[in-house]
N, C-alpha and C. Protein backbone atom coordinates (compact mmCIF):
# COMPACT_ATOMS: atom_id res chain seq x y z
N MET A 1 14.01 7.53 -5.35
CA MET A 1 13.13 8.40 -6.11
C MET A 1 12.95 9.70 -5.34
N SER A 2 13.30 10.79 -5.93
CA SER A 2 13.20 12.04 -5.21
C SER A 2 11.74 12.45 -5.01
N ARG A 3 11.52 13.34 -4.08
CA ARG A 3 10.15 13.76 -3.75
C ARG A 3 9.48 14.47 -4.93
N GLU A 4 10.23 14.98 -5.88
CA GLU A 4 9.65 15.75 -6.96
C GLU A 4 9.45 14.95 -8.24
N SER A 5 9.99 13.75 -8.32
CA SER A 5 9.95 13.03 -9.59
C SER A 5 8.76 12.09 -9.69
N ASP A 6 8.32 11.88 -10.91
CA ASP A 6 7.32 10.90 -11.24
C ASP A 6 7.95 9.97 -12.27
N PHE A 7 7.41 8.80 -12.42
CA PHE A 7 7.86 7.93 -13.49
C PHE A 7 6.67 7.14 -13.99
N THR A 8 6.73 6.73 -15.23
CA THR A 8 5.62 6.02 -15.83
C THR A 8 5.91 4.54 -15.85
N VAL A 9 4.92 3.77 -15.46
CA VAL A 9 5.02 2.32 -15.44
C VAL A 9 3.99 1.79 -16.43
N HIS A 10 4.45 1.06 -17.42
CA HIS A 10 3.50 0.47 -18.36
C HIS A 10 2.97 -0.82 -17.76
N SER A 11 1.68 -0.98 -17.82
CA SER A 11 1.04 -2.11 -17.18
C SER A 11 -0.05 -2.65 -18.11
N LYS A 12 -0.81 -3.64 -17.63
CA LYS A 12 -1.84 -4.29 -18.43
C LYS A 12 -3.12 -3.46 -18.47
N TYR A 13 -3.04 -2.25 -18.98
CA TYR A 13 -4.20 -1.38 -19.03
C TYR A 13 -4.63 -1.19 -20.46
N ASP A 14 -5.84 -1.65 -20.78
CA ASP A 14 -6.39 -1.46 -22.11
C ASP A 14 -6.89 -0.02 -22.27
N LYS A 15 -7.60 0.45 -21.25
CA LYS A 15 -8.25 1.76 -21.33
C LYS A 15 -7.25 2.91 -21.23
N TYR A 16 -6.25 2.79 -20.34
CA TYR A 16 -5.37 3.91 -20.07
C TYR A 16 -4.00 3.78 -20.71
N GLY A 17 -3.53 2.57 -20.93
CA GLY A 17 -2.23 2.36 -21.55
C GLY A 17 -1.06 2.41 -20.60
N ALA A 18 -1.12 3.22 -19.56
CA ALA A 18 0.00 3.32 -18.63
C ALA A 18 -0.49 3.78 -17.27
N VAL A 19 0.31 3.47 -16.28
CA VAL A 19 0.05 3.91 -14.92
C VAL A 19 1.26 4.73 -14.49
N THR A 20 1.02 5.88 -13.91
CA THR A 20 2.10 6.71 -13.39
C THR A 20 2.16 6.54 -11.88
N ILE A 21 3.34 6.26 -11.38
CA ILE A 21 3.57 6.22 -9.94
C ILE A 21 4.23 7.55 -9.60
N ARG A 22 3.61 8.30 -8.72
CA ARG A 22 4.17 9.60 -8.35
C ARG A 22 4.04 9.82 -6.85
N ASN A 23 4.74 10.82 -6.37
CA ASN A 23 4.61 11.20 -4.97
C ASN A 23 3.21 11.74 -4.71
N ALA A 24 2.64 11.35 -3.59
CA ALA A 24 1.32 11.84 -3.22
C ALA A 24 1.41 13.32 -2.87
N ARG A 25 0.31 14.00 -3.11
CA ARG A 25 0.19 15.41 -2.78
C ARG A 25 -0.97 15.56 -1.80
N GLN A 26 -0.97 16.64 -1.05
CA GLN A 26 -2.03 16.85 -0.07
C GLN A 26 -3.41 16.84 -0.72
N VAL A 27 -3.51 17.30 -1.93
CA VAL A 27 -4.79 17.33 -2.64
C VAL A 27 -5.32 15.93 -2.93
N ASP A 28 -4.48 14.91 -2.81
CA ASP A 28 -4.86 13.52 -3.09
C ASP A 28 -5.56 12.84 -1.91
N LYS A 29 -5.60 13.48 -0.75
CA LYS A 29 -6.11 12.84 0.47
C LYS A 29 -7.49 12.22 0.30
N GLY A 30 -8.41 12.92 -0.32
CA GLY A 30 -9.77 12.41 -0.48
C GLY A 30 -9.80 11.13 -1.31
N ALA A 31 -9.08 11.12 -2.42
CA ALA A 31 -9.04 9.93 -3.28
C ALA A 31 -8.35 8.77 -2.56
N ILE A 32 -7.31 9.06 -1.81
CA ILE A 32 -6.61 8.02 -1.06
C ILE A 32 -7.57 7.41 -0.03
N TRP A 33 -8.29 8.26 0.68
CA TRP A 33 -9.26 7.78 1.67
C TRP A 33 -10.33 6.90 1.03
N GLU A 34 -10.85 7.33 -0.12
CA GLU A 34 -11.88 6.54 -0.80
C GLU A 34 -11.35 5.17 -1.21
N ILE A 35 -10.15 5.12 -1.77
CA ILE A 35 -9.56 3.83 -2.16
C ILE A 35 -9.33 2.97 -0.94
N HIS A 36 -8.78 3.55 0.12
CA HIS A 36 -8.49 2.80 1.34
C HIS A 36 -9.78 2.17 1.88
N THR A 37 -10.81 2.96 1.97
CA THR A 37 -12.09 2.49 2.50
C THR A 37 -12.72 1.41 1.61
N ARG A 38 -12.77 1.67 0.31
CA ARG A 38 -13.36 0.69 -0.61
C ARG A 38 -12.57 -0.61 -0.63
N ALA A 39 -11.25 -0.51 -0.64
CA ALA A 39 -10.42 -1.72 -0.69
C ALA A 39 -10.67 -2.59 0.54
N ILE A 40 -10.72 -1.99 1.70
CA ILE A 40 -10.98 -2.77 2.92
C ILE A 40 -12.36 -3.41 2.84
N LYS A 41 -13.37 -2.61 2.52
CA LYS A 41 -14.75 -3.13 2.51
C LYS A 41 -14.96 -4.22 1.46
N GLU A 42 -14.34 -4.07 0.29
CA GLU A 42 -14.60 -5.00 -0.80
C GLU A 42 -13.60 -6.15 -0.89
N LEU A 43 -12.34 -5.88 -0.63
CA LEU A 43 -11.33 -6.91 -0.81
C LEU A 43 -11.05 -7.74 0.44
N CYS A 44 -11.38 -7.20 1.59
CA CYS A 44 -11.11 -7.92 2.84
C CYS A 44 -12.32 -8.69 3.36
N LYS A 45 -13.47 -8.53 2.72
CA LYS A 45 -14.69 -9.14 3.25
C LYS A 45 -14.67 -10.66 3.22
N SER A 46 -13.77 -11.26 2.43
CA SER A 46 -13.67 -12.72 2.41
C SER A 46 -12.95 -13.27 3.64
N HIS A 47 -12.28 -12.39 4.39
CA HIS A 47 -11.48 -12.85 5.53
C HIS A 47 -11.85 -12.22 6.87
N TYR A 48 -12.71 -11.19 6.83
CA TYR A 48 -13.06 -10.47 8.05
C TYR A 48 -14.58 -10.30 8.13
N SER A 49 -15.07 -10.19 9.35
CA SER A 49 -16.52 -10.02 9.55
C SER A 49 -16.96 -8.59 9.19
N GLU A 50 -18.25 -8.43 9.01
CA GLU A 50 -18.81 -7.10 8.73
C GLU A 50 -18.45 -6.13 9.85
N ARG A 51 -18.53 -6.58 11.09
CA ARG A 51 -18.20 -5.73 12.24
C ARG A 51 -16.74 -5.29 12.19
N GLU A 52 -15.84 -6.23 11.90
CA GLU A 52 -14.41 -5.89 11.81
C GLU A 52 -14.18 -4.85 10.70
N LEU A 53 -14.80 -5.04 9.56
CA LEU A 53 -14.64 -4.11 8.45
C LEU A 53 -15.19 -2.73 8.79
N GLN A 54 -16.31 -2.71 9.48
CA GLN A 54 -16.93 -1.44 9.87
C GLN A 54 -16.01 -0.66 10.81
N VAL A 55 -15.51 -1.32 11.85
CA VAL A 55 -14.63 -0.66 12.81
C VAL A 55 -13.34 -0.20 12.13
N TRP A 56 -12.80 -1.05 11.27
CA TRP A 56 -11.56 -0.76 10.55
C TRP A 56 -11.71 0.50 9.70
N THR A 57 -12.82 0.60 8.97
CA THR A 57 -12.97 1.75 8.07
C THR A 57 -13.46 3.01 8.79
N GLU A 58 -14.09 2.87 9.94
CA GLU A 58 -14.55 4.05 10.67
C GLU A 58 -13.40 4.92 11.16
N VAL A 59 -12.23 4.35 11.39
CA VAL A 59 -11.10 5.13 11.88
C VAL A 59 -10.40 5.90 10.76
N LEU A 60 -10.74 5.60 9.52
CA LEU A 60 -10.10 6.27 8.39
C LEU A 60 -10.77 7.61 8.12
N LYS A 61 -9.95 8.63 7.98
CA LYS A 61 -10.42 9.98 7.65
C LYS A 61 -9.37 10.61 6.73
N PRO A 62 -9.80 11.43 5.75
CA PRO A 62 -8.82 12.05 4.84
C PRO A 62 -7.69 12.79 5.56
N VAL A 63 -7.99 13.45 6.67
CA VAL A 63 -6.98 14.21 7.40
C VAL A 63 -5.87 13.31 7.93
N ARG A 64 -6.17 12.05 8.11
CA ARG A 64 -5.20 11.08 8.63
C ARG A 64 -3.95 10.98 7.75
N TYR A 65 -4.09 11.28 6.46
CA TYR A 65 -2.99 11.09 5.52
C TYR A 65 -2.05 12.29 5.42
N GLU A 66 -2.45 13.43 6.01
CA GLU A 66 -1.65 14.66 5.88
C GLU A 66 -0.20 14.47 6.30
N GLU A 67 0.01 13.99 7.51
CA GLU A 67 1.37 13.84 8.03
C GLU A 67 2.15 12.79 7.24
N GLN A 68 1.49 11.69 6.89
CA GLN A 68 2.17 10.64 6.14
C GLN A 68 2.62 11.15 4.77
N ILE A 69 1.77 11.92 4.10
CA ILE A 69 2.14 12.48 2.80
C ILE A 69 3.30 13.46 2.96
N SER A 70 3.26 14.28 4.01
CA SER A 70 4.34 15.25 4.24
C SER A 70 5.68 14.58 4.50
N LYS A 71 5.66 13.52 5.30
CA LYS A 71 6.90 12.82 5.64
C LYS A 71 7.43 12.00 4.48
N GLY A 72 6.51 11.35 3.74
CA GLY A 72 6.92 10.49 2.65
C GLY A 72 7.81 9.36 3.13
N PRO A 73 8.21 8.49 2.28
CA PRO A 73 7.70 8.32 0.93
C PRO A 73 6.25 7.84 0.95
N PHE A 74 5.45 8.48 0.12
CA PHE A 74 4.04 8.15 -0.02
C PHE A 74 3.73 8.29 -1.51
N PHE A 75 3.45 7.18 -2.16
CA PHE A 75 3.23 7.17 -3.59
C PHE A 75 1.78 6.89 -3.94
N VAL A 76 1.34 7.44 -5.06
CA VAL A 76 0.04 7.09 -5.62
C VAL A 76 0.25 6.57 -7.03
N ALA A 77 -0.64 5.68 -7.44
CA ALA A 77 -0.68 5.20 -8.82
C ALA A 77 -1.82 5.93 -9.51
N VAL A 78 -1.53 6.49 -10.68
CA VAL A 78 -2.51 7.27 -11.40
C VAL A 78 -2.69 6.67 -12.80
N ALA A 79 -3.94 6.45 -13.19
CA ALA A 79 -4.28 6.00 -14.54
C ALA A 79 -5.24 7.03 -15.11
N GLY A 80 -4.90 7.58 -16.25
CA GLY A 80 -5.70 8.68 -16.78
C GLY A 80 -5.64 9.83 -15.80
N ASP A 81 -6.80 10.26 -15.32
CA ASP A 81 -6.86 11.34 -14.33
C ASP A 81 -7.21 10.82 -12.94
N SER A 82 -7.21 9.50 -12.77
CA SER A 82 -7.70 8.91 -11.52
C SER A 82 -6.59 8.25 -10.71
N ILE A 83 -6.62 8.48 -9.40
CA ILE A 83 -5.75 7.75 -8.49
C ILE A 83 -6.37 6.37 -8.30
N ILE A 84 -5.56 5.33 -8.51
CA ILE A 84 -6.09 3.96 -8.44
C ILE A 84 -5.37 3.10 -7.40
N GLY A 85 -4.43 3.68 -6.69
CA GLY A 85 -3.74 2.94 -5.64
C GLY A 85 -2.78 3.85 -4.91
N PHE A 86 -2.31 3.37 -3.75
CA PHE A 86 -1.34 4.15 -2.98
C PHE A 86 -0.55 3.24 -2.06
N GLY A 87 0.57 3.74 -1.61
CA GLY A 87 1.38 3.03 -0.64
C GLY A 87 2.32 3.99 0.05
N ASN A 88 2.64 3.70 1.32
CA ASN A 88 3.59 4.57 2.02
C ASN A 88 4.54 3.75 2.89
N LEU A 89 5.69 4.34 3.10
CA LEU A 89 6.79 3.72 3.83
C LEU A 89 7.18 4.62 5.00
N ASN A 90 7.30 4.03 6.18
CA ASN A 90 7.83 4.75 7.34
C ASN A 90 9.35 4.57 7.30
N GLN A 91 10.06 5.65 7.02
CA GLN A 91 11.51 5.58 6.86
C GLN A 91 12.23 5.16 8.13
N LYS A 92 11.73 5.60 9.26
CA LYS A 92 12.41 5.31 10.52
C LYS A 92 12.28 3.86 10.93
N SER A 93 11.07 3.31 10.80
CA SER A 93 10.85 1.93 11.24
C SER A 93 11.10 0.91 10.13
N GLY A 94 11.21 1.38 8.88
CA GLY A 94 11.37 0.45 7.77
C GLY A 94 10.11 -0.36 7.52
N GLU A 95 8.96 0.24 7.81
CA GLU A 95 7.69 -0.47 7.66
C GLU A 95 6.85 0.12 6.53
N ILE A 96 6.37 -0.75 5.67
CA ILE A 96 5.37 -0.33 4.70
C ILE A 96 4.07 -0.27 5.49
N GLU A 97 3.58 0.95 5.67
CA GLU A 97 2.41 1.15 6.54
C GLU A 97 1.10 0.90 5.82
N ALA A 98 1.10 1.05 4.51
CA ALA A 98 -0.13 0.82 3.74
C ALA A 98 0.23 0.59 2.29
N LEU A 99 -0.56 -0.26 1.65
CA LEU A 99 -0.51 -0.45 0.21
C LEU A 99 -1.89 -0.97 -0.19
N TYR A 100 -2.64 -0.14 -0.90
CA TYR A 100 -3.99 -0.48 -1.29
C TYR A 100 -4.22 -0.09 -2.74
N VAL A 101 -5.02 -0.90 -3.44
CA VAL A 101 -5.38 -0.65 -4.83
C VAL A 101 -6.90 -0.61 -4.92
N ASP A 102 -7.40 0.31 -5.73
CA ASP A 102 -8.83 0.39 -5.97
C ASP A 102 -9.32 -0.99 -6.43
N PRO A 103 -10.39 -1.49 -5.84
CA PRO A 103 -10.88 -2.83 -6.20
C PRO A 103 -11.13 -3.02 -7.70
N ASP A 104 -11.47 -1.96 -8.43
CA ASP A 104 -11.69 -2.06 -9.87
C ASP A 104 -10.39 -2.28 -10.65
N HIS A 105 -9.26 -2.12 -10.00
CA HIS A 105 -7.96 -2.21 -10.68
C HIS A 105 -7.06 -3.31 -10.12
N VAL A 106 -7.58 -4.13 -9.25
CA VAL A 106 -6.79 -5.22 -8.66
C VAL A 106 -6.49 -6.28 -9.73
N GLY A 107 -5.30 -6.86 -9.65
CA GLY A 107 -4.92 -7.93 -10.57
C GLY A 107 -4.33 -7.45 -11.89
N ARG A 108 -4.02 -6.16 -11.97
CA ARG A 108 -3.46 -5.60 -13.21
C ARG A 108 -2.03 -5.11 -13.05
N GLY A 109 -1.41 -5.46 -11.94
CA GLY A 109 -0.01 -5.08 -11.75
C GLY A 109 0.21 -3.76 -11.04
N VAL A 110 -0.84 -3.10 -10.62
CA VAL A 110 -0.71 -1.80 -9.95
C VAL A 110 -0.05 -1.96 -8.59
N GLY A 111 -0.52 -2.90 -7.79
CA GLY A 111 0.02 -3.11 -6.45
C GLY A 111 1.51 -3.43 -6.47
N ILE A 112 1.92 -4.28 -7.39
CA ILE A 112 3.34 -4.64 -7.45
C ILE A 112 4.19 -3.45 -7.89
N LYS A 113 3.66 -2.59 -8.73
CA LYS A 113 4.40 -1.40 -9.16
C LYS A 113 4.57 -0.42 -7.99
N ILE A 114 3.54 -0.28 -7.18
CA ILE A 114 3.66 0.57 -6.00
C ILE A 114 4.67 -0.04 -5.03
N LEU A 115 4.60 -1.35 -4.84
CA LEU A 115 5.53 -2.04 -3.95
C LEU A 115 6.96 -1.89 -4.45
N GLN A 116 7.17 -2.00 -5.75
CA GLN A 116 8.51 -1.80 -6.31
C GLN A 116 9.04 -0.40 -6.02
N ALA A 117 8.18 0.60 -6.18
CA ALA A 117 8.59 1.98 -5.91
C ALA A 117 8.98 2.14 -4.44
N LEU A 118 8.19 1.55 -3.53
CA LEU A 118 8.50 1.64 -2.10
C LEU A 118 9.81 0.91 -1.78
N GLU A 119 10.01 -0.26 -2.35
CA GLU A 119 11.24 -1.01 -2.09
C GLU A 119 12.47 -0.29 -2.65
N ASN A 120 12.34 0.27 -3.84
CA ASN A 120 13.46 1.04 -4.41
C ASN A 120 13.78 2.25 -3.56
N GLN A 121 12.75 2.91 -3.05
CA GLN A 121 12.97 4.06 -2.16
C GLN A 121 13.66 3.61 -0.88
N ALA A 122 13.25 2.46 -0.35
CA ALA A 122 13.87 1.93 0.86
C ALA A 122 15.36 1.67 0.63
N LEU A 123 15.69 1.10 -0.51
CA LEU A 123 17.10 0.88 -0.83
C LEU A 123 17.86 2.20 -0.92
N ASP A 124 17.26 3.19 -1.57
CA ASP A 124 17.88 4.52 -1.66
C ASP A 124 18.13 5.13 -0.29
N LEU A 125 17.26 4.79 0.66
CA LEU A 125 17.40 5.30 2.03
C LEU A 125 18.37 4.47 2.86
N GLY A 126 18.90 3.39 2.28
CA GLY A 126 19.84 2.54 3.00
C GLY A 126 19.21 1.47 3.86
N LEU A 127 17.93 1.25 3.69
CA LEU A 127 17.26 0.21 4.47
C LEU A 127 17.60 -1.17 3.91
N LYS A 128 17.83 -2.12 4.78
CA LYS A 128 18.17 -3.49 4.38
C LYS A 128 17.03 -4.47 4.60
N LEU A 129 16.07 -4.08 5.43
CA LEU A 129 14.97 -4.95 5.79
C LEU A 129 13.67 -4.14 5.79
N LEU A 130 12.63 -4.69 5.18
CA LEU A 130 11.32 -4.06 5.21
C LEU A 130 10.36 -4.93 6.00
N ARG A 131 9.47 -4.28 6.70
CA ARG A 131 8.43 -4.95 7.48
C ARG A 131 7.07 -4.43 7.00
N LEU A 132 6.07 -5.24 7.22
CA LEU A 132 4.71 -4.80 6.97
C LEU A 132 3.78 -5.70 7.75
N THR A 133 2.57 -5.26 7.92
CA THR A 133 1.53 -6.08 8.54
C THR A 133 0.44 -6.26 7.51
N SER A 134 0.29 -7.50 7.04
CA SER A 134 -0.64 -7.80 5.97
C SER A 134 -2.01 -8.21 6.49
N SER A 135 -3.03 -7.76 5.80
CA SER A 135 -4.36 -8.32 6.05
C SER A 135 -4.32 -9.76 5.53
N LEU A 136 -5.21 -10.58 6.02
CA LEU A 136 -5.21 -12.00 5.64
C LEU A 136 -5.37 -12.20 4.14
N ASN A 137 -6.17 -11.37 3.51
CA ASN A 137 -6.42 -11.52 2.08
C ASN A 137 -5.23 -11.13 1.21
N ALA A 138 -4.26 -10.40 1.74
CA ALA A 138 -3.12 -9.93 0.95
C ALA A 138 -1.84 -10.74 1.17
N VAL A 139 -1.86 -11.72 2.03
CA VAL A 139 -0.64 -12.48 2.35
C VAL A 139 -0.02 -13.08 1.10
N ARG A 140 -0.81 -13.69 0.24
CA ARG A 140 -0.25 -14.33 -0.97
C ARG A 140 0.41 -13.31 -1.89
N PHE A 141 -0.17 -12.13 -2.01
CA PHE A 141 0.43 -11.07 -2.82
C PHE A 141 1.84 -10.77 -2.33
N TYR A 142 1.99 -10.58 -1.03
CA TYR A 142 3.30 -10.25 -0.47
C TYR A 142 4.26 -11.44 -0.53
N GLU A 143 3.76 -12.64 -0.34
CA GLU A 143 4.63 -13.82 -0.46
C GLU A 143 5.21 -13.91 -1.87
N ARG A 144 4.39 -13.66 -2.89
CA ARG A 144 4.88 -13.69 -4.27
C ARG A 144 5.95 -12.62 -4.51
N ALA A 145 5.93 -11.56 -3.72
CA ALA A 145 6.92 -10.49 -3.84
C ALA A 145 8.14 -10.72 -2.95
N GLY A 146 8.20 -11.89 -2.29
CA GLY A 146 9.38 -12.24 -1.50
C GLY A 146 9.29 -11.99 -0.01
N TYR A 147 8.13 -11.59 0.47
CA TYR A 147 7.97 -11.35 1.91
C TYR A 147 7.71 -12.66 2.63
N LYS A 148 8.28 -12.78 3.81
CA LYS A 148 8.14 -13.99 4.62
C LYS A 148 7.16 -13.72 5.76
N PRO A 149 6.11 -14.56 5.84
CA PRO A 149 5.14 -14.37 6.93
C PRO A 149 5.72 -14.78 8.27
N GLN A 150 5.33 -14.06 9.29
CA GLN A 150 5.68 -14.37 10.66
C GLN A 150 4.43 -14.92 11.33
N LYS A 151 4.46 -15.11 12.61
CA LYS A 151 3.29 -15.63 13.32
C LYS A 151 2.16 -14.61 13.30
N GLN A 152 0.95 -15.09 13.00
CA GLN A 152 -0.22 -14.20 13.00
C GLN A 152 -0.34 -13.49 14.34
N LYS A 153 -0.87 -12.27 14.28
CA LYS A 153 -1.12 -11.55 15.52
C LYS A 153 -2.46 -10.85 15.42
N ARG A 154 -2.96 -10.45 16.55
CA ARG A 154 -4.22 -9.72 16.60
C ARG A 154 -3.88 -8.23 16.69
N TRP A 155 -4.52 -7.47 15.85
CA TRP A 155 -4.29 -6.03 15.74
C TRP A 155 -5.47 -5.33 16.39
N LEU A 156 -5.20 -4.42 17.29
CA LEU A 156 -6.27 -3.73 18.01
C LEU A 156 -6.76 -2.51 17.23
N LEU A 157 -8.04 -2.55 16.90
CA LEU A 157 -8.74 -1.38 16.38
C LEU A 157 -9.49 -0.79 17.57
N PRO A 158 -10.11 0.37 17.43
CA PRO A 158 -10.74 0.99 18.60
C PRO A 158 -11.63 0.06 19.44
N SER A 159 -12.42 -0.79 18.80
CA SER A 159 -13.30 -1.63 19.61
C SER A 159 -13.34 -3.08 19.09
N GLU A 160 -12.32 -3.46 18.39
CA GLU A 160 -12.31 -4.79 17.77
C GLU A 160 -10.87 -5.24 17.57
N MET A 161 -10.66 -6.54 17.67
CA MET A 161 -9.35 -7.12 17.37
C MET A 161 -9.45 -7.82 16.02
N VAL A 162 -8.50 -7.59 15.13
CA VAL A 162 -8.48 -8.28 13.84
C VAL A 162 -7.16 -9.03 13.71
N VAL A 163 -7.21 -10.16 13.02
CA VAL A 163 -6.02 -10.96 12.81
C VAL A 163 -5.29 -10.45 11.57
N CYS A 164 -3.98 -10.25 11.72
CA CYS A 164 -3.12 -9.82 10.62
C CYS A 164 -1.86 -10.68 10.65
N VAL A 165 -1.04 -10.52 9.61
CA VAL A 165 0.18 -11.30 9.50
C VAL A 165 1.38 -10.37 9.32
N PRO A 166 2.24 -10.27 10.32
CA PRO A 166 3.48 -9.51 10.13
C PRO A 166 4.34 -10.23 9.09
N MET A 167 5.01 -9.46 8.24
CA MET A 167 5.85 -10.04 7.20
C MET A 167 7.12 -9.23 7.10
N ILE A 168 8.20 -9.88 6.64
CA ILE A 168 9.48 -9.21 6.48
C ILE A 168 10.12 -9.60 5.15
N LYS A 169 10.98 -8.73 4.67
CA LYS A 169 11.75 -9.01 3.46
C LYS A 169 13.11 -8.36 3.59
N GLU A 170 14.15 -9.16 3.37
CA GLU A 170 15.50 -8.61 3.29
C GLU A 170 15.70 -8.10 1.88
N LEU A 171 16.14 -6.87 1.78
CA LEU A 171 16.34 -6.26 0.46
C LEU A 171 17.73 -6.56 -0.05
N ALA A 172 17.81 -6.94 -1.30
CA ALA A 172 19.11 -7.13 -1.96
C ALA A 172 19.62 -5.76 -2.34
N GLU A 173 20.90 -5.67 -2.63
CA GLU A 173 21.48 -4.38 -3.04
C GLU A 173 20.74 -3.82 -4.26
N GLU A 174 20.40 -4.70 -5.18
CA GLU A 174 19.59 -4.30 -6.33
C GLU A 174 18.43 -5.26 -6.42
N LEU A 175 17.26 -4.71 -6.53
CA LEU A 175 16.07 -5.56 -6.64
C LEU A 175 15.99 -6.17 -8.03
N SER A 176 15.52 -7.39 -8.08
CA SER A 176 15.44 -8.12 -9.34
C SER A 176 14.04 -8.04 -9.93
N TRP A 177 13.51 -6.83 -10.03
CA TRP A 177 12.18 -6.67 -10.61
C TRP A 177 12.36 -6.71 -12.08
């Protein structure tokens, strides 16, 4: 997917009818930060302590996304006029560095559509293997998408260690989405 193109993904949306996956723009930083923060606080609370969530979200700032958006691939999911999810891929390491969906839109196919866009971009870049580090609450989502969990590890935040699960997926020449 080129940096300039957008495409529309039809999903289970009654209110909006469709979700557009497009390249993130610098103007999207604030919305991305809000989704990132809310998703961690609301969706991860079943697996992490309040202290872990606090430390995790304190390091997030809108400016943090500038370089990632510039380098790409960095996609956002848009429904109506609202950004409802995002994901980015580090081309050099072959790692999906983030994939988050607004808690109000979880379970409607948005996350898998963002993941599909990232995987298709990885194939276009010639990558054969993708890596990611999943929060404990998202492991099942990635397993359903074909990712294999590795041994849990502790991830260092500024003043706290959190448990995460490294995962990998070998990409087929053509994805069977």
